[in-house]
Every structure is written in C-alpha cells, then in structure tokens.
C-alpha cells in the first residue's frame, strides 16, 4: 500500500513538471523551458542536462537505478525520457538541429528499456514521450543496432508485425552477413506462422507474405524449414 501511494505521488509530481515544461515550450519561452528541464534532471538524478546528455543510455540507466525507490525505476526512466524528448522538441523549434537527435535517441532508448522490462507489477507511464514522435525526430538518423533490436522486439510484442518486419529488414540491410540476425529473423517468421490469419492481418502481414519472407531468409541463412 505504501509503495502504491509513493508511486502515485511520484506520478503526479512528474506529470506536473512535464506539463509545466510543455506549457513553456508552447508559449515559445524556450530558454526558460530548457532551464526547467535542466533543473528537473538535477532534481531527479543529481546531474544537469548538458552533462547527462554526454552519457550513454547505460550510464543514465545506472543513475536511474541508483535513484530508484520502491521499485519505481521504470517510471523514473520514462520521466527522464520525457524530459529529453521535451528538450529535443525545444531544440527543433529553435532550429538547433545538432542537439535534436542525441536527445531524442536517449529518450527513445530509455523509453524502450522501461517498456521492455519484465513485468513485476503495475507500471505507470502516463507521461512517457510518444514513441512515434521520437522516431520522427530521428528520421534519417542511423539507430544503433541495440536500439533497433529493442524496437523489433517491442513491435512484435505489441502485434505490430509489419513494423517489426520493416525494422528487421533495416537491420539486415545494415548487417547482411550477420548470421545471428538472420537466425533471429527466421525465428520471428516461424512464430508468426503459428498465429491465425486474423492476428497476422491485424499486424499488417498476410500468411503468404510471412511464408515468402521465411523461405527467402531461411535460404540465405542456410536453414532448413
């Protein structure tokens, strides 16, 4: 009960901060909005925005887990992701493109980490940044393999099979000789074949498309169906 109360209080506080920053951005008060994001990150992790943006997502996740109370690290990760997303949107609005992709990428990586974590109870991410907008901000930017692999896994989990396939093809195009990646693709299509036609259609693929892709991929991997 205490944990649930703590989580709800934290959610409300995080939501208020994100709403305040969003309001400043919508009013065009960009310098003040960036001051607010910097202060929010300092309060959450003890590190300001500029220094934090120079770290990898793994280093930031370590800070988040260190700051975790009551098993709330995923909510905290989504909050930090939301702040980075706000900064990316502010920099885009200001025309400072060099700062957009690094912030958007960190936001996406933290968000994926929170979304893919094994379920250990109720996870509340009401203030999480929209994944679609993060990907829009990253359009034309080559995602790290680990990030693309996480997206691939999440799309399949969500039943967005066509998006998962697109992500798989992008990874294969970047690493055509990666046997483990081809094997992962073969396993993916085999899992899809175990689904009924309605589930496949809802995910944007037909059984014929899945079978054709499996045959092509398995053949190139030297795998027998």
C-alpha atoms as a PDB file:
ATOM      1  CA  UNK A   1       0.000   0.000   0.000  1.00  0.00           C
ATOM      2  CA  UNK A   2       2.819   2.373   0.911  1.00  0.00           C
ATOM      3  CA  UNK A   3       4.580   1.600  -2.389  1.00  0.00           C
ATOM      4  CA  UNK A   4       1.408   2.286  -4.375  1.00  0.00           C
ATOM      5  CA  UNK A   5       0.889   5.609  -2.594  1.00  0.00           C
ATOM      6  CA  UNK A   6       4.511   6.584  -3.215  1.00  0.00           C
ATOM      7  CA  UNK A   7       4.269   5.694  -6.905  1.00  0.00           C
ATOM      8  CA  UNK A   8       1.065   7.688  -7.344  1.00  0.00           C
ATOM      9  CA  UNK A   9       2.558  10.754  -5.648  1.00  0.00           C
ATOM     10  CA  UNK A  10       5.619  10.463  -7.853  1.00  0.00           C
ATOM     11  CA  UNK A  11       3.460  10.102 -10.982  1.00  0.00           C
ATOM     12  CA  UNK A  12       1.525  13.257 -10.101  1.00  0.00           C
ATOM     13  CA  UNK A  13       4.720  15.209  -9.428  1.00  0.00           C
ATOM     14  CA  UNK A  14       6.361  14.044 -12.656  1.00  0.00           C
ATOM     15  CA  UNK A  15       3.229  14.827 -14.630  1.00  0.00           C
ATOM     16  CA  UNK A  16       3.118  18.358 -13.236  1.00  0.00           C
ATOM     17  CA  UNK A  17       6.742  19.001 -14.205  1.00  0.00           C
ATOM     18  CA  UNK A  18       6.251  17.682 -17.744  1.00  0.00           C
ATOM     19  CA  UNK A  19       3.076  19.749 -18.145  1.00  0.00           C
ATOM     20  CA  UNK A  20       4.893  22.877 -16.935  1.00  0.00           C
ATOM     21  CA  UNK A  21       7.748  22.346 -19.417  1.00  0.00           C
ATOM     22  CA  UNK A  22       5.287  21.659 -22.237  1.00  0.00           C
ATOM     23  CA  UNK A  23       3.444  24.867 -21.422  1.00  0.00           C
ATOM     24  CA  UNK A  24       6.640  26.911 -21.608  1.00  0.00           C
ATOM     25  CA  UNK A  25       7.514  25.339 -24.960  1.00  0.00           C
ATOM     26  CA  UNK A  26       4.065  26.025 -26.393  1.00  0.00           C
ATOM     27  CA  UNK A  27       4.389  29.662 -25.322  1.00  0.00           C
ATOM     28  CA  UNK A  28       7.740  29.884 -27.121  1.00  0.00           C
ATOM     29  CA  UNK A  29       9.628  30.527 -23.885  1.00  0.00           C
ATOM     30  CA  UNK A  30      12.437  28.208 -24.918  1.00  0.00           C
ATOM     31  CA  UNK A  31      15.301  29.421 -22.675  1.00  0.00           C
ATOM     32  CA  UNK A  32      13.076  29.159 -19.603  1.00  0.00           C
ATOM     33  CA  UNK A  33      11.845  25.742 -20.716  1.00  0.00           C
ATOM     34  CA  UNK A  34      15.436  24.496 -21.033  1.00  0.00           C
ATOM     35  CA  UNK A  35      16.238  25.864 -17.580  1.00  0.00           C
ATOM     36  CA  UNK A  36      13.250  23.889 -16.310  1.00  0.00           C
ATOM     37  CA  UNK A  37      14.422  20.654 -17.974  1.00  0.00           C
ATOM     38  CA  UNK A  38      17.902  21.110 -16.539  1.00  0.00           C
ATOM     39  CA  UNK A  39      16.502  21.643 -13.046  1.00  0.00           C
ATOM     40  CA  UNK A  40      14.180  18.654 -13.419  1.00  0.00           C
ATOM     41  CA  UNK A  41      17.083  16.366 -14.337  1.00  0.00           C
ATOM     42  CA  UNK A  42      19.204  17.691 -11.479  1.00  0.00           C
ATOM     43  CA  UNK A  43      16.381  17.045  -9.038  1.00  0.00           C
ATOM     44  CA  UNK A  44      15.809  13.539 -10.396  1.00  0.00           C
ATOM     45  CA  UNK A  45      19.367  12.294 -10.891  1.00  0.00           C
ATOM     46  CA  UNK A  46      21.704  14.930  -9.492  1.00  0.00           C
ATOM     47  CA  UNK A  47      23.160  15.700 -12.932  1.00  0.00           C
ATOM     48  CA  UNK A  48      22.315  18.577 -15.239  1.00  0.00           C
ATOM     49  CA  UNK A  49      21.082  18.253 -18.788  1.00  0.00           C
ATOM     50  CA  UNK A  50      24.291  19.033 -20.667  1.00  0.00           C
ATOM     51  CA  UNK A  51      26.417  16.605 -18.651  1.00  0.00           C
ATOM     52  CA  UNK A  52      23.741  13.916 -18.715  1.00  0.00           C
ATOM     53  CA  UNK A  53      23.320  14.143 -22.499  1.00  0.00           C
ATOM     54  CA  UNK A  54      27.009  13.280 -22.887  1.00  0.00           C
ATOM     55  CA  UNK A  55      26.495   9.919 -21.205  1.00  0.00           C
ATOM     56  CA  UNK A  56      25.318   6.677 -22.745  1.00  0.00           C
ATOM     57  CA  UNK A  57      21.877   5.318 -22.002  1.00  0.00           C
ATOM     58  CA  UNK A  58      23.526   2.560 -19.935  1.00  0.00           C
ATOM     59  CA  UNK A  59      25.212   5.123 -17.719  1.00  0.00           C
ATOM     60  CA  UNK A  60      21.959   7.034 -17.340  1.00  0.00           C
ATOM     61  CA  UNK A  61      20.086   3.835 -16.501  1.00  0.00           C
ATOM     62  CA  UNK A  62      22.660   3.125 -13.803  1.00  0.00           C
ATOM     63  CA  UNK A  63      21.932   6.536 -12.305  1.00  0.00           C
ATOM     64  CA  UNK A  64      18.211   5.867 -12.533  1.00  0.00           C
ATOM     65  CA  UNK A  65      18.518   2.516 -10.780  1.00  0.00           C
ATOM     66  CA  UNK A  66      20.694   4.124  -8.111  1.00  0.00           C
ATOM     67  CA  UNK A  67      17.986   6.741  -7.521  1.00  0.00           C
ATOM     68  CA  UNK A  68      15.225   4.115  -7.560  1.00  0.00           C
ATOM     69  CA  UNK A  69      12.898   3.931  -4.584  1.00  0.00           C
ATOM     70  CA  UNK A  70      10.194   1.333  -4.083  1.00  0.00           C
ATOM     71  CA  UNK A  71      10.861  -0.400  -7.411  1.00  0.00           C
ATOM     72  CA  UNK A  72       9.923   2.674  -9.439  1.00  0.00           C
ATOM     73  CA  UNK A  73      12.881   2.794 -11.816  1.00  0.00           C
ATOM     74  CA  UNK A  74      10.737   2.308 -14.919  1.00  0.00           C
ATOM     75  CA  UNK A  75       8.549   5.272 -14.083  1.00  0.00           C
ATOM     76  CA  UNK A  76      11.680   7.314 -13.423  1.00  0.00           C
ATOM     77  CA  UNK A  77      13.212   6.168 -16.729  1.00  0.00           C
ATOM     78  CA  UNK A  78      10.058   7.223 -18.589  1.00  0.00           C
ATOM     79  CA  UNK A  79      10.168  10.593 -16.816  1.00  0.00           C
ATOM     80  CA  UNK A  80      13.781  11.209 -17.804  1.00  0.00           C
ATOM     81  CA  UNK A  81      12.893  10.114 -21.346  1.00  0.00           C
ATOM     82  CA  UNK A  82      10.041  12.648 -21.348  1.00  0.00           C
ATOM     83  CA  UNK A  83      12.429  15.429 -20.323  1.00  0.00           C
ATOM     84  CA  UNK A  84      14.907  14.518 -23.071  1.00  0.00           C
ATOM     85  CA  UNK A  85      12.017  14.412 -25.535  1.00  0.00           C
ATOM     86  CA  UNK A  86      10.932  17.885 -24.402  1.00  0.00           C
ATOM     87  CA  UNK A  87      14.468  19.155 -24.921  1.00  0.00           C
ATOM     88  CA  UNK A  88      14.646  17.614 -28.412  1.00  0.00           C
ATOM     89  CA  UNK A  89      11.359  19.301 -29.327  1.00  0.00           C
ATOM     90  CA  UNK A  90      12.576  22.641 -27.947  1.00  0.00           C
ATOM     91  CA  UNK A  91      15.843  22.459 -29.853  1.00  0.00           C
ATOM     92  CA  UNK A  92      13.966  21.556 -33.020  1.00  0.00           C
ATOM     93  CA  UNK A  93      11.688  24.562 -32.547  1.00  0.00           C
ATOM     94  CA  UNK A  94      14.764  26.777 -32.064  1.00  0.00           C
ATOM     95  CA  UNK A  95      16.463  25.371 -35.157  1.00  0.00           C
ATOM     96  CA  UNK A  96      19.319  23.853 -33.141  1.00  0.00           C
ATOM     97  CA  UNK A  97      19.301  20.595 -35.083  1.00  0.00           C
ATOM     98  CA  UNK A  98      22.626  19.323 -33.721  1.00  0.00           C
ATOM     99  CA  UNK A  99      21.011  18.825 -30.313  1.00  0.00           C
ATOM    100  CA  UNK A 100      17.790  17.175 -31.519  1.00  0.00           C
ATOM    101  CA  UNK A 101      18.846  13.635 -32.463  1.00  0.00           C
ATOM    102  CA  UNK A 102      21.114  12.969 -29.427  1.00  0.00           C
ATOM    103  CA  UNK A 103      18.301  13.910 -27.004  1.00  0.00           C
ATOM    104  CA  UNK A 104      15.649  12.059 -28.993  1.00  0.00           C
ATOM    105  CA  UNK A 105      17.827   8.942 -29.140  1.00  0.00           C
ATOM    106  CA  UNK A 106      18.425   8.927 -25.389  1.00  0.00           C
ATOM    107  CA  UNK A 107      14.695   9.420 -24.837  1.00  0.00           C
ATOM    108  CA  UNK A 108      13.879   6.508 -27.147  1.00  0.00           C
ATOM    109  CA  UNK A 109      16.450   4.210 -25.562  1.00  0.00           C
ATOM    110  CA  UNK A 110      15.240   4.928 -22.032  1.00  0.00           C
ATOM    111  CA  UNK A 111      11.622   4.527 -23.084  1.00  0.00           C
ATOM    112  CA  UNK A 112      12.315   1.164 -24.740  1.00  0.00           C
ATOM    113  CA  UNK A 113      14.163  -0.028 -21.649  1.00  0.00           C
ATOM    114  CA  UNK A 114      11.154   0.832 -19.494  1.00  0.00           C
ATOM    115  CA  UNK A 115       8.659  -0.725 -21.907  1.00  0.00           C
ATOM    116  CA  UNK A 116      10.585  -3.977 -22.402  1.00  0.00           C
ATOM    117  CA  UNK A 117      11.412  -4.622 -18.759  1.00  0.00           C
ATOM    118  CA  UNK A 118       9.906  -7.827 -17.366  1.00  0.00           C
ATOM    119  CA  UNK A 119       6.617  -7.123 -15.677  1.00  0.00           C
ATOM    120  CA  UNK A 120       6.965  -7.034 -11.904  1.00  0.00           C
ATOM    121  CA  UNK A 121       3.668  -5.357 -11.192  1.00  0.00           C
ATOM    122  CA  UNK A 122       1.739  -2.322 -12.312  1.00  0.00           C
ATOM    123  CA  UNK A 123       3.869   0.002 -14.389  1.00  0.00           C
ATOM    124  CA  UNK A 124       2.507   3.509 -14.825  1.00  0.00           C
ATOM    125  CA  UNK A 125       3.955   5.558 -17.674  1.00  0.00           C
ATOM    126  CA  UNK A 126       1.279   8.208 -18.335  1.00  0.00           C
ATOM    127  CA  UNK A 127       3.852  10.910 -19.078  1.00  0.00           C
ATOM    128  CA  UNK A 128       6.022   8.757 -21.355  1.00  0.00           C
ATOM    129  CA  UNK A 129       7.032  10.519 -24.571  1.00  0.00           C
ATOM    130  CA  UNK A 130       5.262   9.393 -27.758  1.00  0.00           C
ATOM    131  CA  UNK A 131       7.447   6.838 -29.491  1.00  0.00           C
ATOM    132  CA  UNK A 132       6.148   7.892 -32.906  1.00  0.00           C
ATOM    133  CA  UNK A 133       7.349  11.470 -32.405  1.00  0.00           C
ATOM    134  CA  UNK A 134      10.739  10.317 -31.178  1.00  0.00           C
ATOM    135  CA  UNK A 135      11.152   8.248 -34.342  1.00  0.00           C
ATOM    136  CA  UNK A 136      10.039  11.241 -36.384  1.00  0.00           C
ATOM    137  CA  UNK A 137      12.714  13.367 -34.724  1.00  0.00           C
ATOM    138  CA  UNK A 138      15.229  10.621 -35.538  1.00  0.00           C
ATOM    139  CA  UNK A 139      14.209  10.297 -39.174  1.00  0.00           C
ATOM    140  CA  UNK A 140      17.339   9.938 -41.307  1.00  0.00           C
ATOM    141  CA  UNK A 141      19.420   9.075 -38.242  1.00  0.00           C
ATOM    142  CA  UNK A 142      21.006   5.606 -38.166  1.00  0.00           C
ATOM    143  CA  UNK A 143      19.844   3.959 -34.964  1.00  0.00           C
ATOM    144  CA  UNK A 144      22.327   1.824 -33.021  1.00  0.00           C
ATOM    145  CA  UNK A 145      21.815  -1.915 -33.535  1.00  0.00           C
ATOM    146  CA  UNK A 146      20.811  -2.409 -29.901  1.00  0.00           C
ATOM    147  CA  UNK A 147      18.106   0.228 -30.228  1.00  0.00           C
ATOM    148  CA  UNK A 148      16.756  -1.236 -33.469  1.00  0.00           C
ATOM    149  CA  UNK A 149      16.740  -4.702 -31.902  1.00  0.00           C
ATOM    150  CA  UNK A 150      14.727  -3.377 -28.958  1.00  0.00           C
ATOM    151  CA  UNK A 151      12.240  -1.760 -31.338  1.00  0.00           C
ATOM    152  CA  UNK A 152      11.954  -5.030 -33.266  1.00  0.00           C
ATOM    153  CA  UNK A 153      11.205  -6.926 -30.053  1.00  0.00           C
ATOM    154  CA  UNK A 154       8.680  -4.364 -28.862  1.00  0.00           C
ATOM    155  CA  UNK A 155       6.823  -4.215 -32.181  1.00  0.00           C
ATOM    156  CA  UNK A 156       6.401  -7.976 -32.165  1.00  0.00           C
ATOM    157  CA  UNK A 157       5.186  -7.912 -28.566  1.00  0.00           C
ATOM    158  CA  UNK A 158       2.618  -5.261 -29.496  1.00  0.00           C
ATOM    159  CA  UNK A 159       1.421  -7.201 -32.545  1.00  0.00           C
ATOM    160  CA  UNK A 160       2.774  -4.598 -34.975  1.00  0.00           C
ATOM    161  CA  UNK A 161       4.253  -7.307 -37.188  1.00  0.00           C
ATOM    162  CA  UNK A 162       4.733  -5.213 -40.328  1.00  0.00           C
ATOM    163  CA  UNK A 163       6.675  -2.620 -38.339  1.00  0.00           C
ATOM    164  CA  UNK A 164       8.734  -5.377 -36.766  1.00  0.00           C
ATOM    165  CA  UNK A 165       9.467  -6.724 -40.245  1.00  0.00           C
ATOM    166  CA  UNK A 166      10.494  -3.275 -41.507  1.00  0.00           C
ATOM    167  CA  UNK A 167      12.861  -2.911 -38.557  1.00  0.00           C
ATOM    168  CA  UNK A 168      14.290  -6.374 -39.201  1.00  0.00           C
ATOM    169  CA  UNK A 169      14.900  -5.553 -42.877  1.00  0.00           C
ATOM    170  CA  UNK A 170      16.656  -2.326 -41.918  1.00  0.00           C
ATOM    171  CA  UNK A 171      18.965  -4.207 -39.569  1.00  0.00           C
ATOM    172  CA  UNK A 172      19.649  -6.870 -42.215  1.00  0.00           C
ATOM    173  CA  UNK A 173      20.431  -4.199 -44.796  1.00  0.00           C
ATOM    174  CA  UNK A 174      22.983  -2.696 -42.413  1.00  0.00           C
ATOM    175  CA  UNK A 175      24.493  -6.077 -41.495  1.00  0.00           C
ATOM    176  CA  UNK A 176      23.766  -8.563 -44.314  1.00  0.00           C
ATOM    177  CA  UNK A 177      26.429 -11.016 -43.124  1.00  0.00           C
ATOM    178  CA  UNK A 178      25.170 -11.195 -39.541  1.00  0.00           C
ATOM    179  CA  UNK A 179      24.141 -14.835 -39.151  1.00  0.00           C
ATOM    180  CA  UNK A 180      22.650 -14.360 -35.687  1.00  0.00           C
ATOM    181  CA  UNK A 181      20.418 -11.608 -37.030  1.00  0.00           C
ATOM    182  CA  UNK A 182      19.203 -13.808 -39.883  1.00  0.00           C
ATOM    183  CA  UNK A 183      18.520 -16.602 -37.401  1.00  0.00           C
ATOM    184  CA  UNK A 184      16.517 -14.173 -35.276  1.00  0.00           C
ATOM    185  CA  UNK A 185      14.519 -13.264 -38.371  1.00  0.00           C
ATOM    186  CA  UNK A 186      13.831 -16.910 -39.173  1.00  0.00           C
ATOM    187  CA  UNK A 187      12.618 -17.474 -35.607  1.00  0.00           C
ATOM    188  CA  UNK A 188      10.407 -14.377 -35.890  1.00  0.00           C
ATOM    189  CA  UNK A 189       8.666 -15.611 -39.041  1.00  0.00           C
ATOM    190  CA  UNK A 190       8.208 -19.070 -37.572  1.00  0.00           C
ATOM    191  CA  UNK A 191       6.494 -17.517 -34.563  1.00  0.00           C
ATOM    192  CA  UNK A 192       4.246 -15.580 -36.912  1.00  0.00           C
ATOM    193  CA  UNK A 193       3.257 -18.734 -38.778  1.00  0.00           C
ATOM    194  CA  UNK A 194       1.919 -20.132 -35.506  1.00  0.00           C
ATOM    195  CA  UNK A 195      -0.632 -17.283 -35.408  1.00  0.00           C
ATOM    196  CA  UNK A 196      -4.010 -17.298 -37.123  1.00  0.00           C
ATOM    197  CA  UNK A 197      -4.691 -15.265 -40.244  1.00  0.00           C
ATOM    198  CA  UNK A 198      -6.714 -12.627 -38.387  1.00  0.00           C
ATOM    199  CA  UNK A 199      -3.851 -11.900 -35.997  1.00  0.00           C
ATOM    200  CA  UNK A 200      -1.415 -11.610 -38.879  1.00  0.00           C
ATOM    201  CA  UNK A 201      -3.744  -9.292 -40.793  1.00  0.00           C
ATOM    202  CA  UNK A 202      -4.194  -7.112 -37.713  1.00  0.00           C
ATOM    203  CA  UNK A 203      -0.416  -6.815 -37.565  1.00  0.00           C
ATOM    204  CA  UNK A 204      -0.184  -5.791 -41.207  1.00  0.00           C
ATOM    205  CA  UNK A 205       1.005  -9.041 -42.792  1.00  0.00           C
ATOM    206  CA  UNK A 206      -0.571 -11.934 -44.670  1.00  0.00           C
ATOM    207  CA  UNK A 207       0.351 -15.581 -44.246  1.00  0.00           C
ATOM    208  CA  UNK A 208       1.679 -15.646 -47.823  1.00  0.00           C
ATOM    209  CA  UNK A 209       3.984 -12.716 -47.070  1.00  0.00           C
ATOM    210  CA  UNK A 210       5.273 -14.406 -43.923  1.00  0.00           C
ATOM    211  CA  UNK A 211       5.903 -17.694 -45.735  1.00  0.00           C
ATOM    212  CA  UNK A 212       7.694 -15.957 -48.604  1.00  0.00           C
ATOM    213  CA  UNK A 213       9.895 -13.950 -46.246  1.00  0.00           C
ATOM    214  CA  UNK A 214      10.690 -17.042 -44.182  1.00  0.00           C
ATOM    215  CA  UNK A 215      11.658 -19.016 -47.274  1.00  0.00           C
ATOM    216  CA  UNK A 216      13.936 -16.256 -48.507  1.00  0.00           C
ATOM    217  CA  UNK A 217      15.532 -15.607 -45.125  1.00  0.00           C
ATOM    218  CA  UNK A 218      15.939 -19.252 -44.203  1.00  0.00           C
ATOM    219  CA  UNK A 219      17.502 -19.959 -47.571  1.00  0.00           C
ATOM    220  CA  UNK A 220      20.026 -17.156 -47.197  1.00  0.00           C
ATOM    221  CA  UNK A 221      20.810 -18.376 -43.683  1.00  0.00           C
ATOM    222  CA  UNK A 222      21.307 -21.913 -44.874  1.00  0.00           C
ATOM    223  CA  UNK A 223      18.484 -23.055 -42.596  1.00  0.00           C
ATOM    224  CA  UNK A 224      16.020 -25.805 -43.317  1.00  0.00           C
ATOM    225  CA  UNK A 225      12.314 -25.044 -42.870  1.00  0.00           C
END
